[in-house]
Amino acid sequence: MSGVAIVFMIISMLTIWGGLVLALINLSRHPEKDDDDVIETAGATGNNSL
């Protein structure tokens, strides 16, 4: 491989793995809420047909 190809490969690998690391850090700081925690009131299903 040429030097340019190696540089682009390293840049793309850092972009992919860096994005994965940042996503994992974000999820660890702000975990997703479970659907079990949501309490829906009666009539709040969103089916408002007129």
Protein backbone atom coordinates (compact mmCIF):
# COMPACT_ATOMS: atom_id res chain seq x y z
CA MET A 1 0.00 0.00 0.00
CA SER A 2 1.10 3.52 -0.65
CA GLY A 3 1.66 6.09 2.08
CA VAL A 4 -1.47 8.00 1.15
CA ALA A 5 -3.61 4.85 1.40
CA ILE A 6 -2.21 4.08 4.84
CA VAL A 7 -2.90 7.63 6.06
CA PHE A 8 -6.50 7.48 4.81
CA MET A 9 -6.94 4.04 6.39
CA ILE A 10 -5.70 5.34 9.75
CA ILE A 11 -7.96 8.41 9.54
CA SER A 12 -11.00 6.29 8.71
CA MET A 13 -10.24 3.77 11.48
CA LEU A 14 -9.85 6.57 14.02
CA THR A 15 -13.15 8.08 12.87
CA ILE A 16 -15.06 4.80 13.20
CA TRP A 17 -13.51 3.68 16.52
CA GLY A 18 -13.59 7.20 17.94
CA GLY A 19 -17.29 7.48 17.17
CA LEU A 20 -17.91 4.16 18.86
CA VAL A 21 -15.99 5.24 21.97
CA LEU A 22 -17.84 8.56 22.11
CA ALA A 23 -21.19 6.79 21.73
CA LEU A 24 -20.35 4.41 24.57
CA ILE A 25 -19.25 7.29 26.81
CA ASN A 26 -22.46 9.17 26.00
CA LEU A 27 -24.60 6.12 26.81
CA SER A 28 -22.78 5.53 30.08
CA ARG A 29 -23.33 9.15 31.15
CA HIS A 30 -26.94 9.34 29.94
CA PRO A 31 -28.47 5.86 29.89
CA GLU A 32 -31.67 5.29 27.96
CA LYS A 33 -34.87 5.08 29.96
CA ASP A 34 -36.70 1.78 29.97
CA ASP A 35 -40.15 1.61 28.42
CA ASP A 36 -41.42 0.19 31.71
CA ASP A 37 -40.85 3.56 33.39
CA VAL A 38 -43.36 5.33 31.14
CA ILE A 39 -46.86 5.66 32.57
CA GLU A 40 -49.48 6.42 29.97
CA THR A 41 -52.73 8.01 31.02
CA ALA A 42 -56.04 6.81 29.62
CA GLY A 43 -56.79 8.41 26.27
CA ALA A 44 -53.20 9.42 25.61
CA THR A 45 -52.59 6.75 22.99
CA GLY A 46 -52.33 9.23 20.15
CA ASN A 47 -55.29 7.83 18.20
CA ASN A 48 -57.20 11.05 17.81
CA SER A 49 -59.45 10.26 14.86
CA LEU A 50 -62.12 12.81 14.17
